[in-house]
C-alpha atoms as a PDB file:
ATOM      1  CA  MET A   1      -7.533  39.435  -7.915  1.00  0.00           C
ATOM      2  CA  SER A   2     -10.391  41.186 -10.405  1.00  0.00           C
ATOM      3  CA  ILE A   3     -14.126  39.764 -10.949  1.00  0.00           C
ATOM      4  CA  ARG A   4     -13.096  39.497 -14.650  1.00  0.00           C
ATOM      5  CA  LEU A   5     -10.401  37.460 -13.633  1.00  0.00           C
ATOM      6  CA  GLN A   6     -12.428  35.170 -11.448  1.00  0.00           C
ATOM      7  CA  LEU A   7     -15.199  35.017 -13.883  1.00  0.00           C
ATOM      8  CA  LYS A   8     -12.567  33.859 -16.896  1.00  0.00           C
ATOM      9  CA  LYS A   9     -11.309  30.983 -14.500  1.00  0.00           C
ATOM     10  CA  GLN A  10     -14.629  29.952 -13.531  1.00  0.00           C
ATOM     11  CA  ARG A  11     -15.746  29.696 -16.972  1.00  0.00           C
ATOM     12  CA  ARG A  12     -12.614  27.837 -18.015  1.00  0.00           C
ATOM     13  CA  ALA A  13     -12.936  25.108 -15.207  1.00  0.00           C
ATOM     14  CA  ASN A  14     -16.952  25.033 -16.085  1.00  0.00           C
ATOM     15  CA  TRP A  15     -15.999  24.615 -20.387  1.00  0.00           C
ATOM     16  CA  ILE A  16     -13.072  21.839 -18.710  1.00  0.00           C
ATOM     17  CA  ALA A  17     -15.676  20.008 -16.328  1.00  0.00           C
ATOM     18  CA  LEU A  18     -18.601  20.289 -19.188  1.00  0.00           C
ATOM     19  CA  LEU A  19     -16.277  18.509 -21.677  1.00  0.00           C
ATOM     20  CA  HIS A  20     -15.098  15.866 -19.609  1.00  0.00           C
ATOM     21  CA  ALA A  21     -18.952  15.134 -18.527  1.00  0.00           C
ATOM     22  CA  SER A  22     -19.759  15.087 -22.244  1.00  0.00           C
ATOM     23  CA  VAL A  23     -17.531  12.702 -23.409  1.00  0.00           C
ATOM     24  CA  ILE A  24     -17.628   9.940 -20.777  1.00  0.00           C
ATOM     25  CA  ALA A  25     -22.114  10.310 -21.441  1.00  0.00           C
ATOM     26  CA  GLY A  26     -20.906   9.903 -25.209  1.00  0.00           C
ATOM     27  CA  LEU A  27     -18.903   6.859 -24.350  1.00  0.00           C
ATOM     28  CA  LEU A  28     -21.374   5.325 -22.177  1.00  0.00           C
ATOM     29  CA  TRP A  29     -23.955   6.080 -24.826  1.00  0.00           C
ATOM     30  CA  ASN A  30     -22.112   4.534 -27.878  1.00  0.00           C
ATOM     31  CA  PHE A  31     -20.589   1.377 -25.320  1.00  0.00           C
ATOM     32  CA  PHE A  32     -23.597   0.699 -23.525  1.00  0.00           C
ATOM     33  CA  GLY A  33     -26.908   2.334 -25.256  1.00  0.00           C
ATOM     34  CA  PRO A  34     -28.932   4.978 -24.540  1.00  0.00           C
ATOM     35  CA  GLN A  35     -30.167   4.154 -21.165  1.00  0.00           C
ATOM     36  CA  ALA A  36     -26.331   3.612 -19.617  1.00  0.00           C
ATOM     37  CA  PRO A  37     -25.492   8.005 -18.994  1.00  0.00           C
ATOM     38  CA  PHE A  38     -28.256   8.399 -16.925  1.00  0.00           C
ATOM     39  CA  ILE A  39     -27.911   4.879 -14.925  1.00  0.00           C
ATOM     40  CA  PHE A  40     -24.961   6.463 -14.234  1.00  0.00           C
ATOM     41  CA  GLY A  41     -25.663   9.826 -13.302  1.00  0.00           C
ATOM     42  CA  ALA A  42     -28.154   8.467 -10.931  1.00  0.00           C
ATOM     43  CA  GLY A  43     -25.884   6.337  -9.228  1.00  0.00           C
ATOM     44  CA  LEU A  44     -22.816   9.623  -8.910  1.00  0.00           C
ATOM     45  CA  SER A  45     -25.991  11.465  -7.534  1.00  0.00           C
ATOM     46  CA  LEU A  46     -26.659   8.627  -4.425  1.00  0.00           C
ATOM     47  CA  PHE A  47     -23.463   8.325  -4.060  1.00  0.00           C
ATOM     48  CA  ALA A  48     -23.281  12.348  -3.571  1.00  0.00           C
ATOM     49  CA  ALA A  49     -25.984  12.186  -1.246  1.00  0.00           C
ATOM     50  CA  GLY A  50     -25.015   9.698   0.765  1.00  0.00           C
ATOM     51  CA  MET A  51     -21.040  11.120   1.214  1.00  0.00           C
ATOM     52  CA  LEU A  52     -22.966  14.516   2.189  1.00  0.00           C
ATOM     53  CA  ILE A  53     -25.534  12.985   4.792  1.00  0.00           C
ATOM     54  CA  PHE A  54     -21.746  10.992   5.844  1.00  0.00           C
ATOM     55  CA  LEU A  55     -19.853  14.343   6.122  1.00  0.00           C
ATOM     56  CA  MET A  56     -23.119  16.157   7.754  1.00  0.00           C
ATOM     57  CA  ASN A  57     -23.561  13.506  10.796  1.00  0.00           C
ATOM     58  CA  ARG A  58     -19.493  13.434  11.507  1.00  0.00           C
ATOM     59  CA  ASN A  59     -19.120  15.301  14.728  1.00  0.00           C
ATOM     60  CA  PRO A  60     -16.493  18.346  14.042  1.00  0.00           C
ATOM     61  CA  LYS A  61     -15.444  18.254  17.968  1.00  0.00           C
ATOM     62  CA  GLN A  62     -14.421  14.782  17.379  1.00  0.00           C
ATOM     63  CA  LYS A  63     -11.027  15.490  14.792  1.00  0.00           C
ATOM     64  CA  TYR A  64      -9.817  17.866  17.629  1.00  0.00           C
ATOM     65  CA  GLU A  65     -10.182  15.533  21.036  1.00  0.00           C
ATOM     66  CA  GLN A  66      -8.050  13.252  18.558  1.00  0.00           C
ATOM     67  CA  LEU A  67      -4.994  15.373  18.391  1.00  0.00           C
END
């Protein structure tokens, strides 16, 4: 696969993700006020940080020992 095709797919994925993020932020802004998208973003970032910490503390050998 050429680098141009990879970049084109990456740009398309970014565009789709940004479109969804903008729609969600706009809906939150309209229905709950201007602070809602920022609170939602803060909550998602805390959730992502928690998941990262949880997944990094897992023992990878534990997965293979159960098999």
